[in-house]
């Protein structure tokens, strides 16, 4: 895996995992202000969630990188089987 492919794989993993991390700790406000959605979280903590997500994505990326580099999974074999 070259560095461009590695970055692209990380970005894809990051975007997939952000949707799993966003709901963590989200609690709606007890008394939402008028004009606000009743389901909007009181404290979004988005910076913390981005940091946690980046770490989770890095761990998943490291596993994917190891699987590809050790040739446990071969991208060429997958592509060949899908084309058959």
N, C-alpha and C. Protein backbone atom coordinates (compact mmCIF):
# COMPACT_ATOMS: atom_id res chain seq x y z
N UNK A 1 0.86 -1.16 0.00
CA UNK A 1 0.00 0.00 0.00
C UNK A 1 0.91 1.23 0.00
N UNK A 2 0.74 2.10 -1.00
CA UNK A 2 1.54 3.31 -1.01
C UNK A 2 0.91 4.36 -0.09
N UNK A 3 1.58 5.49 0.09
CA UNK A 3 1.13 6.47 1.08
C UNK A 3 -0.17 7.14 0.67
N UNK A 4 -0.43 7.32 -0.62
CA UNK A 4 -1.69 7.93 -1.06
C UNK A 4 -2.85 6.99 -0.75
N UNK A 5 -2.69 5.72 -1.07
CA UNK A 5 -3.72 4.74 -0.77
C UNK A 5 -3.95 4.64 0.74
N UNK A 6 -2.87 4.68 1.50
CA UNK A 6 -3.00 4.63 2.96
C UNK A 6 -3.80 5.79 3.51
N UNK A 7 -3.55 6.99 2.99
CA UNK A 7 -4.30 8.18 3.44
C UNK A 7 -5.77 8.06 3.05
N UNK A 8 -6.03 7.63 1.82
CA UNK A 8 -7.41 7.49 1.37
C UNK A 8 -8.17 6.43 2.18
N UNK A 9 -7.51 5.33 2.49
CA UNK A 9 -8.15 4.30 3.31
C UNK A 9 -8.44 4.85 4.71
N UNK A 10 -7.51 5.62 5.27
CA UNK A 10 -7.74 6.21 6.59
C UNK A 10 -8.93 7.17 6.56
N UNK A 11 -9.01 8.01 5.54
CA UNK A 11 -10.11 8.97 5.44
C UNK A 11 -11.45 8.24 5.33
N UNK A 12 -11.50 7.19 4.54
CA UNK A 12 -12.75 6.42 4.42
C UNK A 12 -13.12 5.78 5.76
N UNK A 13 -12.14 5.20 6.43
CA UNK A 13 -12.40 4.60 7.75
C UNK A 13 -12.85 5.67 8.74
N UNK A 14 -12.21 6.85 8.69
CA UNK A 14 -12.57 7.95 9.61
C UNK A 14 -14.02 8.36 9.41
N UNK A 15 -14.44 8.52 8.16
CA UNK A 15 -15.82 8.94 7.89
C UNK A 15 -16.83 7.87 8.28
N UNK A 16 -16.50 6.62 8.11
CA UNK A 16 -17.42 5.56 8.50
C UNK A 16 -17.55 5.51 10.02
N UNK A 17 -16.43 5.62 10.72
CA UNK A 17 -16.48 5.50 12.18
C UNK A 17 -17.04 6.75 12.85
N UNK A 18 -17.00 7.91 12.21
CA UNK A 18 -17.55 9.12 12.87
C UNK A 18 -19.03 8.94 13.14
N UNK A 19 -19.74 8.22 12.26
CA UNK A 19 -21.17 8.02 12.46
C UNK A 19 -21.45 7.03 13.60
N UNK A 20 -20.44 6.25 13.98
CA UNK A 20 -20.59 5.38 15.14
C UNK A 20 -20.26 6.13 16.43
N UNK A 21 -19.36 7.11 16.35
CA UNK A 21 -18.90 7.83 17.54
C UNK A 21 -19.82 9.00 17.90
N UNK A 22 -20.45 9.63 16.92
CA UNK A 22 -21.27 10.81 17.19
C UNK A 22 -22.36 10.62 18.25
N UNK A 23 -23.05 9.51 18.29
CA UNK A 23 -24.11 9.37 19.31
C UNK A 23 -23.61 9.18 20.74
N UNK A 24 -22.32 8.86 20.92
CA UNK A 24 -21.81 8.59 22.26
C UNK A 24 -22.01 9.82 23.16
N UNK A 25 -22.67 9.62 24.26
CA UNK A 25 -22.83 10.68 25.26
C UNK A 25 -23.80 11.78 24.87
N UNK A 26 -24.52 11.62 23.78
CA UNK A 26 -25.47 12.66 23.35
C UNK A 26 -26.75 12.55 24.17
N UNK A 27 -27.03 13.59 24.91
CA UNK A 27 -28.25 13.67 25.72
C UNK A 27 -28.99 14.94 25.33
N UNK A 28 -30.29 14.84 25.02
CA UNK A 28 -31.02 16.05 24.65
C UNK A 28 -31.19 16.98 25.85
N UNK A 29 -31.32 18.26 25.57
CA UNK A 29 -31.53 19.24 26.64
C UNK A 29 -32.89 18.99 27.28
N UNK A 30 -32.95 19.19 28.60
CA UNK A 30 -34.21 18.97 29.30
C UNK A 30 -35.24 20.03 28.94
N UNK A 31 -34.80 21.27 28.84
CA UNK A 31 -35.68 22.36 28.46
C UNK A 31 -35.08 23.11 27.27
N UNK A 32 -35.33 22.62 26.05
CA UNK A 32 -34.73 23.27 24.89
C UNK A 32 -35.31 24.66 24.68
N UNK A 33 -34.47 25.57 24.19
CA UNK A 33 -34.92 26.92 23.90
C UNK A 33 -35.89 26.89 22.72
N UNK A 34 -36.72 27.88 22.67
CA UNK A 34 -37.69 27.95 21.58
C UNK A 34 -36.95 28.09 20.24
N UNK A 35 -37.38 27.31 19.27
CA UNK A 35 -36.76 27.33 17.96
C UNK A 35 -35.67 26.29 17.79
N UNK A 36 -35.26 25.62 18.88
CA UNK A 36 -34.25 24.57 18.80
C UNK A 36 -34.94 23.21 18.70
N UNK A 37 -34.30 22.28 18.04
CA UNK A 37 -34.85 20.94 17.94
C UNK A 37 -34.84 20.28 19.32
N UNK A 38 -35.90 19.58 19.63
CA UNK A 38 -35.98 18.94 20.95
C UNK A 38 -34.98 17.79 21.07
N UNK A 39 -34.53 17.26 19.94
CA UNK A 39 -33.59 16.15 19.95
C UNK A 39 -32.13 16.59 19.90
N UNK A 40 -31.86 17.89 19.80
CA UNK A 40 -30.48 18.40 19.72
C UNK A 40 -29.78 18.15 21.06
N UNK A 41 -28.52 17.68 21.02
CA UNK A 41 -27.82 17.42 22.28
C UNK A 41 -27.50 18.70 23.03
N UNK A 42 -27.55 18.60 24.36
CA UNK A 42 -27.25 19.77 25.19
C UNK A 42 -25.77 20.14 25.07
N UNK A 43 -24.89 19.17 25.12
CA UNK A 43 -23.45 19.37 24.96
C UNK A 43 -22.96 18.39 23.91
N UNK A 44 -22.59 18.90 22.74
CA UNK A 44 -22.21 18.02 21.64
C UNK A 44 -20.83 17.39 21.84
N UNK A 45 -19.90 18.10 22.50
CA UNK A 45 -18.53 17.63 22.73
C UNK A 45 -17.89 17.15 21.43
N UNK A 46 -18.06 17.92 20.35
CA UNK A 46 -17.62 17.49 19.03
C UNK A 46 -16.11 17.36 18.93
N UNK A 47 -15.37 18.22 19.59
CA UNK A 47 -13.90 18.12 19.57
C UNK A 47 -13.41 16.82 20.18
N UNK A 48 -13.99 16.45 21.31
CA UNK A 48 -13.62 15.19 21.97
C UNK A 48 -13.99 14.00 21.09
N UNK A 49 -15.15 14.08 20.45
CA UNK A 49 -15.59 12.98 19.58
C UNK A 49 -14.68 12.85 18.36
N UNK A 50 -14.25 13.98 17.79
CA UNK A 50 -13.31 13.93 16.66
C UNK A 50 -11.99 13.29 17.08
N UNK A 51 -11.51 13.62 18.27
CA UNK A 51 -10.26 13.05 18.77
C UNK A 51 -10.41 11.54 19.00
N UNK A 52 -11.47 11.14 19.66
CA UNK A 52 -11.72 9.72 19.91
C UNK A 52 -11.87 8.98 18.59
N UNK A 53 -12.61 9.59 17.66
CA UNK A 53 -12.81 8.96 16.35
C UNK A 53 -11.49 8.81 15.60
N UNK A 54 -10.62 9.81 15.69
CA UNK A 54 -9.33 9.72 15.00
C UNK A 54 -8.49 8.57 15.56
N UNK A 55 -8.55 8.37 16.86
CA UNK A 55 -7.80 7.27 17.48
C UNK A 55 -8.40 5.93 17.08
N UNK A 56 -9.72 5.81 17.13
CA UNK A 56 -10.39 4.56 16.74
C UNK A 56 -10.09 4.25 15.27
N UNK A 57 -10.17 5.26 14.41
CA UNK A 57 -9.90 5.07 12.98
C UNK A 57 -8.44 4.66 12.75
N UNK A 58 -7.51 5.22 13.53
CA UNK A 58 -6.10 4.86 13.39
C UNK A 58 -5.86 3.40 13.77
N UNK A 59 -6.53 2.93 14.81
CA UNK A 59 -6.39 1.52 15.21
C UNK A 59 -6.95 0.60 14.14
N UNK A 60 -8.12 0.93 13.63
CA UNK A 60 -8.73 0.12 12.57
C UNK A 60 -7.84 0.15 11.32
N UNK A 61 -7.32 1.35 10.98
CA UNK A 61 -6.44 1.47 9.82
C UNK A 61 -5.18 0.62 10.00
N UNK A 62 -4.63 0.59 11.21
CA UNK A 62 -3.43 -0.21 11.45
C UNK A 62 -3.71 -1.70 11.22
N UNK A 63 -4.88 -2.17 11.63
CA UNK A 63 -5.26 -3.56 11.39
C UNK A 63 -5.41 -3.82 9.90
N UNK A 64 -6.09 -2.92 9.19
CA UNK A 64 -6.26 -3.07 7.74
C UNK A 64 -4.90 -3.04 7.05
N UNK A 65 -4.03 -2.13 7.45
CA UNK A 65 -2.69 -2.04 6.87
C UNK A 65 -1.93 -3.34 7.06
N UNK A 66 -1.98 -3.88 8.26
CA UNK A 66 -1.28 -5.13 8.54
C UNK A 66 -1.85 -6.27 7.69
N UNK A 67 -3.18 -6.34 7.58
CA UNK A 67 -3.80 -7.40 6.78
C UNK A 67 -3.37 -7.32 5.32
N UNK A 68 -3.29 -6.10 4.78
CA UNK A 68 -2.91 -5.94 3.38
C UNK A 68 -1.42 -6.20 3.19
N UNK A 69 -0.58 -5.64 4.04
CA UNK A 69 0.87 -5.78 3.88
C UNK A 69 1.36 -7.20 4.14
N UNK A 70 0.70 -7.92 5.05
CA UNK A 70 1.11 -9.30 5.31
C UNK A 70 0.47 -10.26 4.32
N UNK A 71 -0.32 -9.72 3.40
CA UNK A 71 -1.00 -10.45 2.34
C UNK A 71 -1.96 -11.50 2.87
N UNK A 72 -2.51 -11.24 4.04
CA UNK A 72 -3.62 -12.06 4.54
C UNK A 72 -4.82 -11.81 3.64
N UNK A 73 -4.99 -10.55 3.25
CA UNK A 73 -6.01 -10.14 2.29
C UNK A 73 -5.27 -9.59 1.08
N UNK A 74 -5.60 -10.08 -0.09
CA UNK A 74 -4.98 -9.60 -1.32
C UNK A 74 -6.02 -8.83 -2.12
N UNK A 75 -5.76 -7.54 -2.33
CA UNK A 75 -6.68 -6.71 -3.09
C UNK A 75 -6.83 -7.24 -4.51
N UNK A 76 -5.74 -7.74 -5.09
CA UNK A 76 -5.78 -8.27 -6.44
C UNK A 76 -6.70 -9.50 -6.52
N UNK A 77 -6.62 -10.38 -5.52
CA UNK A 77 -7.49 -11.56 -5.51
C UNK A 77 -8.96 -11.17 -5.37
N UNK A 78 -9.22 -10.18 -4.54
CA UNK A 78 -10.61 -9.71 -4.36
C UNK A 78 -11.13 -9.14 -5.67
N UNK A 79 -10.33 -8.31 -6.33
CA UNK A 79 -10.73 -7.72 -7.61
C UNK A 79 -10.93 -8.80 -8.66
N UNK A 80 -10.07 -9.79 -8.68
CA UNK A 80 -10.17 -10.88 -9.66
C UNK A 80 -11.45 -11.69 -9.42
N UNK A 81 -11.78 -11.96 -8.15
CA UNK A 81 -12.97 -12.74 -7.83
C UNK A 81 -14.25 -11.96 -8.12
N UNK A 82 -14.23 -10.66 -7.93
CA UNK A 82 -15.41 -9.86 -8.22
C UNK A 82 -15.65 -9.77 -9.72
N UNK A 83 -14.59 -9.80 -10.51
CA UNK A 83 -14.73 -9.72 -11.96
C UNK A 83 -15.13 -11.05 -12.60
N UNK A 84 -15.04 -12.13 -11.85
CA UNK A 84 -15.31 -13.45 -12.44
C UNK A 84 -16.78 -13.78 -12.45
